[in-house]
């Protein structure tokens, strides 16, 4: 994603941050990762885009009914 005038920089969340946002523990976050939750890895660091995670959860919920 290009940054430029009028284009805000997205904040990527840590495993702890996304767990707090979703109100689940670290174990649940790792389970969701195993199930395909979108994430970004830079070396050994994992980060999450909230918008992508929420879209993935909505799509998953729609499939499961």
PDB file of N, CA and C in Angstrom:
ATOM      1  N   UNK A   1       0.853  -1.178   0.000  1.00  0.00           N
ATOM      2  CA  UNK A   1       0.000   0.000   0.000  1.00  0.00           C
ATOM      3  C   UNK A   1       0.895   1.235   0.000  1.00  0.00           C
ATOM      4  N   UNK A   2       0.645   2.132  -0.931  1.00  0.00           N
ATOM      5  CA  UNK A   2       1.419   3.359  -0.985  1.00  0.00           C
ATOM      6  C   UNK A   2       0.887   4.364   0.018  1.00  0.00           C
ATOM      7  N   UNK A   3       1.814   5.067   0.630  1.00  0.00           N
ATOM      8  CA  UNK A   3       1.410   6.157   1.508  1.00  0.00           C
ATOM      9  C   UNK A   3       1.601   7.454   0.744  1.00  0.00           C
ATOM     10  N   UNK A   4       0.808   8.406   1.108  1.00  0.00           N
ATOM     11  CA  UNK A   4       0.929   9.701   0.473  1.00  0.00           C
ATOM     12  C   UNK A   4      -0.003  10.667   1.164  1.00  0.00           C
ATOM     13  N   UNK A   5      -0.099  11.878   0.630  1.00  0.00           N
ATOM     14  CA  UNK A   5      -0.984  12.868   1.232  1.00  0.00           C
ATOM     15  C   UNK A   5      -2.417  12.352   1.307  1.00  0.00           C
ATOM     16  N   UNK A   6      -3.032  12.485   2.463  1.00  0.00           N
ATOM     17  CA  UNK A   6      -4.414  12.085   2.632  1.00  0.00           C
ATOM     18  C   UNK A   6      -4.615  10.587   2.810  1.00  0.00           C
ATOM     19  N   UNK A   7      -3.539   9.842   2.846  1.00  0.00           N
ATOM     20  CA  UNK A   7      -3.647   8.385   2.998  1.00  0.00           C
ATOM     21  C   UNK A   7      -3.028   7.969   4.324  1.00  0.00           C
ATOM     22  N   UNK A   8      -3.883   7.644   5.294  1.00  0.00           N
ATOM     23  CA  UNK A   8      -3.356   7.317   6.616  1.00  0.00           C
ATOM     24  C   UNK A   8      -2.594   5.996   6.618  1.00  0.00           C
ATOM     25  N   UNK A   9      -1.625   5.913   7.483  1.00  0.00           N
ATOM     26  CA  UNK A   9      -0.844   4.690   7.654  1.00  0.00           C
ATOM     27  C   UNK A   9      -1.638   3.732   8.539  1.00  0.00           C
ATOM     28  N   UNK A  10      -1.775   2.483   8.095  1.00  0.00           N
ATOM     29  CA  UNK A  10      -2.505   1.495   8.886  1.00  0.00           C
ATOM     30  C   UNK A  10      -1.655   1.053  10.064  1.00  0.00           C
ATOM     31  N   UNK A  11      -2.313   0.890  11.199  1.00  0.00           N
ATOM     32  CA  UNK A  11      -1.627   0.388  12.385  1.00  0.00           C
ATOM     33  C   UNK A  11      -1.812  -1.117  12.430  1.00  0.00           C
ATOM     34  N   UNK A  12      -0.721  -1.834  12.483  1.00  0.00           N
ATOM     35  CA  UNK A  12      -0.786  -3.282  12.581  1.00  0.00           C
ATOM     36  C   UNK A  12      -0.669  -3.671  14.044  1.00  0.00           C
ATOM     37  N   UNK A  13      -1.512  -4.616  14.461  1.00  0.00           N
ATOM     38  CA  UNK A  13      -1.574  -5.018  15.854  1.00  0.00           C
ATOM     39  C   UNK A  13      -0.723  -6.252  16.125  1.00  0.00           C
ATOM     40  N   UNK A  14      -0.241  -6.361  17.358  1.00  0.00           N
ATOM     41  CA  UNK A  14       0.501  -7.529  17.805  1.00  0.00           C
ATOM     42  C   UNK A  14      -0.478  -8.647  18.173  1.00  0.00           C
ATOM     43  N   UNK A  15       0.053  -9.801  18.504  1.00  0.00           N
ATOM     44  CA  UNK A  15      -0.790 -10.915  18.952  1.00  0.00           C
ATOM     45  C   UNK A  15      -1.566 -10.511  20.204  1.00  0.00           C
ATOM     46  N   UNK A  16      -0.898  -9.859  21.141  1.00  0.00           N
ATOM     47  CA  UNK A  16      -1.575  -9.403  22.359  1.00  0.00           C
ATOM     48  C   UNK A  16      -2.662  -8.391  22.032  1.00  0.00           C
ATOM     49  N   UNK A  17      -2.337  -7.425  21.157  1.00  0.00           N
ATOM     50  CA  UNK A  17      -3.300  -6.387  20.776  1.00  0.00           C
ATOM     51  C   UNK A  17      -4.545  -6.969  20.109  1.00  0.00           C
ATOM     52  N   UNK A  18      -4.354  -7.900  19.149  1.00  0.00           N
ATOM     53  CA  UNK A  18      -5.516  -8.444  18.448  1.00  0.00           C
ATOM     54  C   UNK A  18      -6.349  -9.292  19.401  1.00  0.00           C
ATOM     55  N   UNK A  19      -5.699  -9.973  20.333  1.00  0.00           N
ATOM     56  CA  UNK A  19      -6.433 -10.730  21.343  1.00  0.00           C
ATOM     57  C   UNK A  19      -7.299  -9.827  22.196  1.00  0.00           C
ATOM     58  N   UNK A  20      -6.729  -8.706  22.620  1.00  0.00           N
ATOM     59  CA  UNK A  20      -7.499  -7.744  23.411  1.00  0.00           C
ATOM     60  C   UNK A  20      -8.637  -7.160  22.591  1.00  0.00           C
ATOM     61  N   UNK A  21      -8.365  -6.839  21.335  1.00  0.00           N
ATOM     62  CA  UNK A  21      -9.391  -6.270  20.461  1.00  0.00           C
ATOM     63  C   UNK A  21     -10.557  -7.239  20.286  1.00  0.00           C
ATOM     64  N   UNK A  22     -10.233  -8.531  20.091  1.00  0.00           N
ATOM     65  CA  UNK A  22     -11.263  -9.548  19.880  1.00  0.00           C
ATOM     66  C   UNK A  22     -11.798 -10.119  21.189  1.00  0.00           C
ATOM     67  N   UNK A  23     -11.185  -9.713  22.286  1.00  0.00           N
ATOM     68  CA  UNK A  23     -11.558 -10.172  23.627  1.00  0.00           C
ATOM     69  C   UNK A  23     -11.400 -11.682  23.761  1.00  0.00           C
ATOM     70  N   UNK A  24     -10.236 -12.162  23.296  1.00  0.00           N
ATOM     71  CA  UNK A  24      -9.876 -13.573  23.440  1.00  0.00           C
ATOM     72  C   UNK A  24      -8.434 -13.656  23.933  1.00  0.00           C
ATOM     73  N   UNK A  25      -8.068 -14.807  24.436  1.00  0.00           N
ATOM     74  CA  UNK A  25      -6.713 -15.010  24.924  1.00  0.00           C
ATOM     75  C   UNK A  25      -5.738 -15.350  23.809  1.00  0.00           C
ATOM     76  N   UNK A  26      -4.463 -15.414  24.181  1.00  0.00           N
ATOM     77  CA  UNK A  26      -3.398 -15.720  23.215  1.00  0.00           C
ATOM     78  C   UNK A  26      -3.604 -17.084  22.560  1.00  0.00           C
ATOM     79  N   UNK A  27      -4.057 -18.063  23.358  1.00  0.00           N
ATOM     80  CA  UNK A  27      -4.269 -19.402  22.808  1.00  0.00           C
ATOM     81  C   UNK A  27      -5.310 -19.363  21.691  1.00  0.00           C
ATOM     82  N   UNK A  28      -6.377 -18.602  21.889  1.00  0.00           N
ATOM     83  CA  UNK A  28      -7.419 -18.473  20.861  1.00  0.00           C
ATOM     84  C   UNK A  28      -6.869 -17.778  19.622  1.00  0.00           C
ATOM     85  N   UNK A  29      -6.008 -16.775  19.810  1.00  0.00           N
ATOM     86  CA  UNK A  29      -5.404 -16.089  18.655  1.00  0.00           C
ATOM     87  C   UNK A  29      -4.571 -17.082  17.854  1.00  0.00           C
ATOM     88  N   UNK A  30      -3.766 -17.898  18.527  1.00  0.00           N
ATOM     89  CA  UNK A  30      -2.946 -18.887  17.819  1.00  0.00           C
ATOM     90  C   UNK A  30      -3.819 -19.929  17.109  1.00  0.00           C
ATOM     91  N   UNK A  31      -4.938 -20.285  17.697  1.00  0.00           N
ATOM     92  CA  UNK A  31      -5.868 -21.224  17.050  1.00  0.00           C
ATOM     93  C   UNK A  31      -6.443 -20.594  15.777  1.00  0.00           C
ATOM     94  N   UNK A  32      -6.833 -19.319  15.880  1.00  0.00           N
ATOM     95  CA  UNK A  32      -7.356 -18.612  14.700  1.00  0.00           C
ATOM     96  C   UNK A  32      -6.285 -18.510  13.616  1.00  0.00           C
ATOM     97  N   UNK A  33      -5.038 -18.290  14.008  1.00  0.00           N
ATOM     98  CA  UNK A  33      -3.936 -18.266  13.038  1.00  0.00           C
ATOM     99  C   UNK A  33      -3.846 -19.601  12.306  1.00  0.00           C
ATOM    100  N   UNK A  34      -3.927 -20.692  13.056  1.00  0.00           N
ATOM    101  CA  UNK A  34      -3.884 -22.028  12.456  1.00  0.00           C
ATOM    102  C   UNK A  34      -5.047 -22.249  11.499  1.00  0.00           C
ATOM    103  N   UNK A  35      -6.167 -21.563  11.745  1.00  0.00           N
ATOM    104  CA  UNK A  35      -7.354 -21.699  10.902  1.00  0.00           C
ATOM    105  C   UNK A  35      -7.345 -20.747   9.715  1.00  0.00           C
ATOM    106  N   UNK A  36      -6.285 -19.943   9.590  1.00  0.00           N
ATOM    107  CA  UNK A  36      -6.141 -19.098   8.406  1.00  0.00           C
ATOM    108  C   UNK A  36      -6.362 -17.609   8.600  1.00  0.00           C
ATOM    109  N   UNK A  37      -6.411 -17.135   9.846  1.00  0.00           N
ATOM    110  CA  UNK A  37      -6.610 -15.700  10.073  1.00  0.00           C
ATOM    111  C   UNK A  37      -5.485 -14.920   9.377  1.00  0.00           C
ATOM    112  N   UNK A  38      -5.853 -13.876   8.603  1.00  0.00           N
ATOM    113  CA  UNK A  38      -4.835 -13.120   7.871  1.00  0.00           C
ATOM    114  C   UNK A  38      -3.864 -12.420   8.816  1.00  0.00           C
ATOM    115  N   UNK A  39      -2.591 -12.438   8.407  1.00  0.00           N
ATOM    116  CA  UNK A  39      -1.549 -11.814   9.216  1.00  0.00           C
ATOM    117  C   UNK A  39      -0.359 -11.472   8.338  1.00  0.00           C
ATOM    118  N   UNK A  40       0.522 -10.693   8.899  1.00  0.00           N
ATOM    119  CA  UNK A  40       1.773 -10.323   8.236  1.00  0.00           C
ATOM    120  C   UNK A  40       2.918 -10.795   9.108  1.00  0.00           C
ATOM    121  N   UNK A  41       3.910 -11.426   8.483  1.00  0.00           N
ATOM    122  CA  UNK A  41       5.084 -11.869   9.233  1.00  0.00           C
ATOM    123  C   UNK A  41       6.302 -11.133   8.699  1.00  0.00           C
ATOM    124  N   UNK A  42       7.062 -10.585   9.625  1.00  0.00           N
ATOM    125  CA  UNK A  42       8.333  -9.954   9.301  1.00  0.00           C
ATOM    126  C   UNK A  42       9.353 -10.634  10.201  1.00  0.00           C
ATOM    127  N   UNK A  43      10.112 -11.541   9.624  1.00  0.00           N
ATOM    128  CA  UNK A  43      11.010 -12.344  10.439  1.00  0.00           C
ATOM    129  C   UNK A  43      10.177 -13.213  11.361  1.00  0.00           C
ATOM    130  N   UNK A  44      10.397 -13.093  12.643  1.00  0.00           N
ATOM    131  CA  UNK A  44       9.641 -13.893  13.614  1.00  0.00           C
ATOM    132  C   UNK A  44       8.481 -13.120  14.237  1.00  0.00           C
ATOM    133  N   UNK A  45       8.217 -11.923  13.732  1.00  0.00           N
ATOM    134  CA  UNK A  45       7.178 -11.059  14.299  1.00  0.00           C
ATOM    135  C   UNK A  45       5.891 -11.184  13.479  1.00  0.00           C
ATOM    136  N   UNK A  46       4.774 -11.380  14.159  1.00  0.00           N
ATOM    137  CA  UNK A  46       3.466 -11.483  13.512  1.00  0.00           C
ATOM    138  C   UNK A  46       2.642 -10.246  13.821  1.00  0.00           C
ATOM    139  N   UNK A  47       2.011  -9.672  12.795  1.00  0.00           N
ATOM    140  CA  UNK A  47       1.163  -8.494  12.967  1.00  0.00           C
ATOM    141  C   UNK A  47      -0.155  -8.707  12.236  1.00  0.00           C
ATOM    142  N   UNK A  48      -1.183  -7.958  12.661  1.00  0.00           N
ATOM    143  CA  UNK A  48      -2.526  -8.117  12.116  1.00  0.00           C
ATOM    144  C   UNK A  48      -3.108  -6.772  11.730  1.00  0.00           C
ATOM    145  N   UNK A  49      -3.806  -6.752  10.589  1.00  0.00           N
ATOM    146  CA  UNK A  49      -4.579  -5.593  10.151  1.00  0.00           C
ATOM    147  C   UNK A  49      -6.017  -5.851  10.610  1.00  0.00           C
ATOM    148  N   UNK A  50      -6.544  -5.003  11.474  1.00  0.00           N
ATOM    149  CA  UNK A  50      -7.871  -5.210  12.061  1.00  0.00           C
ATOM    150  C   UNK A  50      -8.937  -5.358  10.979  1.00  0.00           C
ATOM    151  N   UNK A  51      -8.917  -4.518   9.957  1.00  0.00           N
ATOM    152  CA  UNK A  51      -9.927  -4.584   8.902  1.00  0.00           C
ATOM    153  C   UNK A  51      -9.915  -5.944   8.200  1.00  0.00           C
ATOM    154  N   UNK A  52      -8.717  -6.466   7.923  1.00  0.00           N
ATOM    155  CA  UNK A  52      -8.608  -7.765   7.264  1.00  0.00           C
ATOM    156  C   UNK A  52      -9.096  -8.890   8.173  1.00  0.00           C
ATOM    157  N   UNK A  53      -8.757  -8.803   9.444  1.00  0.00           N
ATOM    158  CA  UNK A  53      -9.188  -9.834  10.402  1.00  0.00           C
ATOM    159  C   UNK A  53     -10.705  -9.827  10.541  1.00  0.00           C
ATOM    160  N   UNK A  54     -11.300  -8.642  10.667  1.00  0.00           N
ATOM    161  CA  UNK A  54     -12.759  -8.561  10.808  1.00  0.00           C
ATOM    162  C   UNK A  54     -13.469  -9.080   9.562  1.00  0.00           C
ATOM    163  N   UNK A  55     -12.941  -8.758   8.384  1.00  0.00           N
ATOM    164  CA  UNK A  55     -13.535  -9.262   7.137  1.00  0.00           C
ATOM    165  C   UNK A  55     -13.436 -10.782   7.085  1.00  0.00           C
ATOM    166  N   UNK A  56     -12.301 -11.334   7.495  1.00  0.00           N
ATOM    167  CA  UNK A  56     -12.113 -12.785   7.519  1.00  0.00           C
ATOM    168  C   UNK A  56     -13.097 -13.440   8.487  1.00  0.00           C
ATOM    169  N   UNK A  57     -13.275 -12.853   9.658  1.00  0.00           N
ATOM    170  CA  UNK A  57     -14.208 -13.405  10.640  1.00  0.00           C
ATOM    171  C   UNK A  57     -15.647 -13.358  10.121  1.00  0.00           C
ATOM    172  N   UNK A  58     -16.032 -12.245   9.469  1.00  0.00           N
ATOM    173  CA  UNK A  58     -17.386 -12.138   8.904  1.00  0.00           C
ATOM    174  C   UNK A  58     -17.608 -13.197   7.825  1.00  0.00           C
ATOM    175  N   UNK A  59     -16.623 -13.363   6.947  1.00  0.00           N
ATOM    176  CA  UNK A  59     -16.724 -14.353   5.868  1.00  0.00           C
ATOM    177  C   UNK A  59     -16.826 -15.765   6.452  1.00  0.00           C
ATOM    178  N   UNK A  60     -16.030 -16.028   7.445  1.00  0.00           N
ATOM    179  CA  UNK A  60     -16.030 -17.334   8.105  1.00  0.00           C
ATOM    180  C   UNK A  60     -17.380 -17.614   8.769  1.00  0.00           C
ATOM    181  N   UNK A  61     -17.923 -16.599   9.430  1.00  0.00           N
ATOM    182  CA  UNK A  61     -19.214 -16.735  10.109  1.00  0.00           C
ATOM    183  C   UNK A  61     -20.328 -16.988   9.086  1.00  0.00           C
ATOM    184  N   UNK A  62     -20.264 -16.292   7.950  1.00  0.00           N
ATOM    185  CA  UNK A  62     -21.276 -16.470   6.902  1.00  0.00           C
ATOM    186  C   UNK A  62     -21.225 -17.884   6.332  1.00  0.00           C
ATOM    187  N   UNK A  63     -20.027 -18.434   6.151  1.00  0.00           N
ATOM    188  CA  UNK A  63     -19.884 -19.801   5.644  1.00  0.00           C
ATOM    189  C   UNK A  63     -20.422 -20.836   6.621  1.00  0.00           C
ATOM    190  N   UNK A  64     -20.163 -20.596   7.915  1.00  0.00           N
ATOM    191  CA  UNK A  64     -20.554 -21.563   8.937  1.00  0.00           C
ATOM    192  C   UNK A  64     -22.016 -21.422   9.347  1.00  0.00           C
ATOM    193  N   UNK A  65     -22.604 -20.306   8.928  1.00  0.00           N
ATOM    194  CA  UNK A  65     -24.028 -20.094   9.185  1.00  0.00           C
ATOM    195  C   UNK A  65     -24.303 -19.660  10.533  1.00  0.00           C
TER     196      UNK A  65
END
